[in-house]
Amino acid sequence: MQGVQPALRTFNTLIIACNMCNQPREALSIYQELLDSGFDANSTTYNALISAYGKMGQLDRVLEVYKDMVYRGLDRSVITYSSLISACEKAGRWETALQLFEEMQRDGCTPNTVTYNSLITACGQGELQRRSASAKAL
């Protein structure tokens, strides 16, 4: 339909759908369209961006998006923290994953199975790295 402008919810749904289909670059392209249309991102948008950058292995961008989310005073949820911890796991940054888990608890956010699975995997990778370094030192 010509002349009909999508709502913020429409953009967020498209960004999430792209993430679910492992199309993070397309998700980021839609995010740019959201901004170009004059919308302000909300918590749902930020969660989707964190997920997209995490899938792309861009932990620095993930953490930048999170810092901006905090700066803007947007609500963080179990989805936010689980996506952050998952991105840390993929990047092999188990210490950062633990720090975010502690921050999650301080924020009063209750972890779920996804959170714990990502955290356990991240810490397991950290233990493997530690053992590998110890073995090389022998």
C-alpha atoms as a PDB file:
ATOM      1  CA  MET A   1       0.000   0.000   0.000  1.00  0.00           C
ATOM      2  CA  GLN A   2       1.473   3.253  -1.097  1.00  0.00           C
ATOM      3  CA  GLY A   3       1.760   6.044   1.454  1.00  0.00           C
ATOM      4  CA  VAL A   4       1.382   3.825   4.520  1.00  0.00           C
ATOM      5  CA  GLN A   5       4.235   4.212   6.997  1.00  0.00           C
ATOM      6  CA  PRO A   6       5.226   1.238   9.168  1.00  0.00           C
ATOM      7  CA  ALA A   7       4.992   1.625  12.933  1.00  0.00           C
ATOM      8  CA  LEU A   8       7.864   1.038  15.376  1.00  0.00           C
ATOM      9  CA  ARG A   9       6.327  -2.324  16.213  1.00  0.00           C
ATOM     10  CA  THR A  10       6.495  -3.310  12.532  1.00  0.00           C
ATOM     11  CA  PHE A  11      10.194  -2.451  12.344  1.00  0.00           C
ATOM     12  CA  ASN A  12      10.917  -4.357  15.568  1.00  0.00           C
ATOM     13  CA  THR A  13       9.036  -7.405  14.293  1.00  0.00           C
ATOM     14  CA  LEU A  14      11.028  -7.361  11.058  1.00  0.00           C
ATOM     15  CA  ILE A  15      14.339  -6.993  12.903  1.00  0.00           C
ATOM     16  CA  ILE A  16      13.475  -9.911  15.199  1.00  0.00           C
ATOM     17  CA  ALA A  17      12.355 -12.045  12.239  1.00  0.00           C
ATOM     18  CA  CYS A  18      15.661 -11.393  10.470  1.00  0.00           C
ATOM     19  CA  ASN A  19      17.554 -12.446  13.598  1.00  0.00           C
ATOM     20  CA  MET A  20      15.486 -15.626  13.877  1.00  0.00           C
ATOM     21  CA  CYS A  21      16.332 -16.437  10.247  1.00  0.00           C
ATOM     22  CA  ASN A  22      20.056 -15.818  10.858  1.00  0.00           C
ATOM     23  CA  GLN A  23      20.043 -12.660   8.759  1.00  0.00           C
ATOM     24  CA  PRO A  24      21.687 -10.208  11.195  1.00  0.00           C
ATOM     25  CA  ARG A  25      22.948  -7.888   8.452  1.00  0.00           C
ATOM     26  CA  GLU A  26      19.417  -7.525   7.119  1.00  0.00           C
ATOM     27  CA  ALA A  27      18.251  -6.826  10.682  1.00  0.00           C
ATOM     28  CA  LEU A  28      20.755  -3.980  10.921  1.00  0.00           C
ATOM     29  CA  SER A  29      19.615  -2.634   7.558  1.00  0.00           C
ATOM     30  CA  ILE A  30      16.021  -2.539   8.806  1.00  0.00           C
ATOM     31  CA  TYR A  31      17.224  -0.808  11.970  1.00  0.00           C
ATOM     32  CA  GLN A  32      18.750   1.908   9.787  1.00  0.00           C
ATOM     33  CA  GLU A  33      15.397   2.279   8.004  1.00  0.00           C
ATOM     34  CA  LEU A  34      13.748   2.634  11.425  1.00  0.00           C
ATOM     35  CA  LEU A  35      16.079   5.503  12.271  1.00  0.00           C
ATOM     36  CA  ASP A  36      15.680   7.079   8.826  1.00  0.00           C
ATOM     37  CA  SER A  37      11.896   7.007   9.371  1.00  0.00           C
ATOM     38  CA  GLY A  38      12.293   9.137  12.500  1.00  0.00           C
ATOM     39  CA  PHE A  39      11.548   6.506  15.134  1.00  0.00           C
ATOM     40  CA  ASP A  40      13.358   6.233  18.452  1.00  0.00           C
ATOM     41  CA  ALA A  41      14.512   2.735  19.324  1.00  0.00           C
ATOM     42  CA  ASN A  42      12.926   1.099  22.365  1.00  0.00           C
ATOM     43  CA  SER A  43      14.005  -1.840  24.550  1.00  0.00           C
ATOM     44  CA  THR A  44      12.732  -4.352  22.008  1.00  0.00           C
ATOM     45  CA  THR A  45      14.794  -2.691  19.292  1.00  0.00           C
ATOM     46  CA  TYR A  46      17.921  -2.667  21.449  1.00  0.00           C
ATOM     47  CA  ASN A  47      17.472  -6.332  22.387  1.00  0.00           C
ATOM     48  CA  ALA A  48      17.211  -7.214  18.701  1.00  0.00           C
ATOM     49  CA  LEU A  49      20.344  -5.171  17.900  1.00  0.00           C
ATOM     50  CA  ILE A  50      22.276  -6.913  20.669  1.00  0.00           C
ATOM     51  CA  SER A  51      21.206 -10.248  19.224  1.00  0.00           C
ATOM     52  CA  ALA A  52      22.143  -9.234  15.655  1.00  0.00           C
ATOM     53  CA  TYR A  53      25.611  -7.975  16.563  1.00  0.00           C
ATOM     54  CA  GLY A  54      26.114 -11.018  18.792  1.00  0.00           C
ATOM     55  CA  LYS A  55      25.342 -13.353  15.889  1.00  0.00           C
ATOM     56  CA  MET A  56      27.889 -11.463  13.830  1.00  0.00           C
ATOM     57  CA  GLY A  57      30.519 -11.922  16.546  1.00  0.00           C
ATOM     58  CA  GLN A  58      30.849  -8.178  17.115  1.00  0.00           C
ATOM     59  CA  LEU A  59      31.040  -8.091  20.900  1.00  0.00           C
ATOM     60  CA  ASP A  60      32.376  -4.537  20.992  1.00  0.00           C
ATOM     61  CA  ARG A  61      29.272  -3.335  19.107  1.00  0.00           C
ATOM     62  CA  VAL A  62      27.060  -5.452  21.402  1.00  0.00           C
ATOM     63  CA  LEU A  63      28.520  -3.711  24.433  1.00  0.00           C
ATOM     64  CA  GLU A  64      28.195  -0.272  22.794  1.00  0.00           C
ATOM     65  CA  VAL A  65      24.502  -0.904  22.104  1.00  0.00           C
ATOM     66  CA  TYR A  66      24.038  -2.060  25.704  1.00  0.00           C
ATOM     67  CA  LYS A  67      25.780   1.033  27.096  1.00  0.00           C
ATOM     68  CA  ASP A  68      23.551   3.238  24.947  1.00  0.00           C
ATOM     69  CA  MET A  69      20.506   1.340  26.192  1.00  0.00           C
ATOM     70  CA  VAL A  70      21.550   1.976  29.804  1.00  0.00           C
ATOM     71  CA  TYR A  71      22.336   5.624  29.047  1.00  0.00           C
ATOM     72  CA  ARG A  72      18.856   6.118  27.590  1.00  0.00           C
ATOM     73  CA  GLY A  73      17.315   4.591  30.700  1.00  0.00           C
ATOM     74  CA  LEU A  74      15.581   1.799  28.799  1.00  0.00           C
ATOM     75  CA  ASP A  75      14.400  -1.287  30.666  1.00  0.00           C
ATOM     76  CA  ARG A  76      16.672  -4.308  30.542  1.00  0.00           C
ATOM     77  CA  SER A  77      15.091  -7.750  30.719  1.00  0.00           C
ATOM     78  CA  VAL A  78      16.125 -11.379  30.826  1.00  0.00           C
ATOM     79  CA  ILE A  79      16.169 -11.188  27.022  1.00  0.00           C
ATOM     80  CA  THR A  80      18.689  -8.340  27.167  1.00  0.00           C
ATOM     81  CA  TYR A  81      21.011 -10.086  29.577  1.00  0.00           C
ATOM     82  CA  SER A  82      20.702 -13.512  27.948  1.00  0.00           C
ATOM     83  CA  SER A  83      21.591 -11.985  24.569  1.00  0.00           C
ATOM     84  CA  LEU A  84      24.559 -10.165  26.113  1.00  0.00           C
ATOM     85  CA  ILE A  85      25.856 -13.280  27.864  1.00  0.00           C
ATOM     86  CA  SER A  86      25.369 -15.343  24.701  1.00  0.00           C
ATOM     87  CA  ALA A  87      27.397 -12.794  22.714  1.00  0.00           C
ATOM     88  CA  CYS A  88      30.167 -12.992  25.328  1.00  0.00           C
ATOM     89  CA  GLU A  89      30.099 -16.780  25.097  1.00  0.00           C
ATOM     90  CA  LYS A  90      30.471 -16.661  21.305  1.00  0.00           C
ATOM     91  CA  ALA A  91      33.384 -14.225  21.663  1.00  0.00           C
ATOM     92  CA  GLY A  92      35.121 -16.317  24.333  1.00  0.00           C
ATOM     93  CA  ARG A  93      34.814 -13.540  26.912  1.00  0.00           C
ATOM     94  CA  TRP A  94      33.703 -15.527  29.949  1.00  0.00           C
ATOM     95  CA  GLU A  95      34.841 -12.876  32.440  1.00  0.00           C
ATOM     96  CA  THR A  96      32.580 -10.308  30.782  1.00  0.00           C
ATOM     97  CA  ALA A  97      29.748 -12.859  30.778  1.00  0.00           C
ATOM     98  CA  LEU A  98      30.153 -13.288  34.540  1.00  0.00           C
ATOM     99  CA  GLN A  99      30.223  -9.526  35.083  1.00  0.00           C
ATOM    100  CA  LEU A 100      27.002  -9.124  33.114  1.00  0.00           C
ATOM    101  CA  PHE A 101      25.394 -11.962  35.060  1.00  0.00           C
ATOM    102  CA  GLU A 102      26.268 -10.186  38.316  1.00  0.00           C
ATOM    103  CA  GLU A 103      24.884  -6.926  36.914  1.00  0.00           C
ATOM    104  CA  MET A 104      21.718  -8.773  35.925  1.00  0.00           C
ATOM    105  CA  GLN A 105      21.263  -9.942  39.501  1.00  0.00           C
ATOM    106  CA  ARG A 106      21.919  -6.456  40.878  1.00  0.00           C
ATOM    107  CA  ASP A 107      19.228  -5.144  38.511  1.00  0.00           C
ATOM    108  CA  GLY A 108      16.795  -7.629  40.018  1.00  0.00           C
ATOM    109  CA  CYS A 109      16.371  -9.507  36.742  1.00  0.00           C
ATOM    110  CA  THR A 110      15.708 -13.239  37.126  1.00  0.00           C
ATOM    111  CA  PRO A 111      17.832 -15.487  34.868  1.00  0.00           C
ATOM    112  CA  ASN A 112      16.197 -18.219  32.808  1.00  0.00           C
ATOM    113  CA  THR A 113      17.428 -21.446  31.192  1.00  0.00           C
ATOM    114  CA  VAL A 114      18.878 -19.593  28.197  1.00  0.00           C
ATOM    115  CA  THR A 115      20.847 -17.325  30.525  1.00  0.00           C
ATOM    116  CA  TYR A 116      22.250 -20.222  32.523  1.00  0.00           C
ATOM    117  CA  ASN A 117      23.102 -22.290  29.430  1.00  0.00           C
ATOM    118  CA  SER A 118      25.044 -19.410  27.865  1.00  0.00           C
ATOM    119  CA  LEU A 119      26.811 -18.649  31.130  1.00  0.00           C
ATOM    120  CA  ILE A 120      27.770 -22.281  31.719  1.00  0.00           C
ATOM    121  CA  THR A 121      29.123 -22.608  28.176  1.00  0.00           C
ATOM    122  CA  ALA A 122      31.072 -19.345  28.501  1.00  0.00           C
ATOM    123  CA  CYS A 123      32.609 -20.419  31.819  1.00  0.00           C
ATOM    124  CA  GLY A 124      33.406 -23.848  30.408  1.00  0.00           C
ATOM    125  CA  GLN A 125      35.307 -22.203  27.572  1.00  0.00           C
ATOM    126  CA  GLY A 126      37.140 -20.063  30.116  1.00  0.00           C
ATOM    127  CA  GLU A 127      38.167 -23.163  32.060  1.00  0.00           C
ATOM    128  CA  LEU A 128      39.457 -24.787  28.851  1.00  0.00           C
ATOM    129  CA  GLN A 129      41.479 -21.664  28.076  1.00  0.00           C
ATOM    130  CA  ARG A 130      42.917 -21.662  31.584  1.00  0.00           C
ATOM    131  CA  ARG A 131      43.882 -25.339  31.385  1.00  0.00           C
ATOM    132  CA  SER A 132      45.394 -24.871  27.938  1.00  0.00           C
ATOM    133  CA  ALA A 133      47.518 -21.982  29.188  1.00  0.00           C
ATOM    134  CA  SER A 134      48.626 -24.066  32.197  1.00  0.00           C
ATOM    135  CA  ALA A 135      49.583 -26.975  29.950  1.00  0.00           C
ATOM    136  CA  LYS A 136      51.620 -24.728  27.659  1.00  0.00           C
ATOM    137  CA  ALA A 137      53.499 -23.378  30.674  1.00  0.00           C
ATOM    138  CA  LEU A 138      54.684 -26.905  31.583  1.00  0.00           C
END
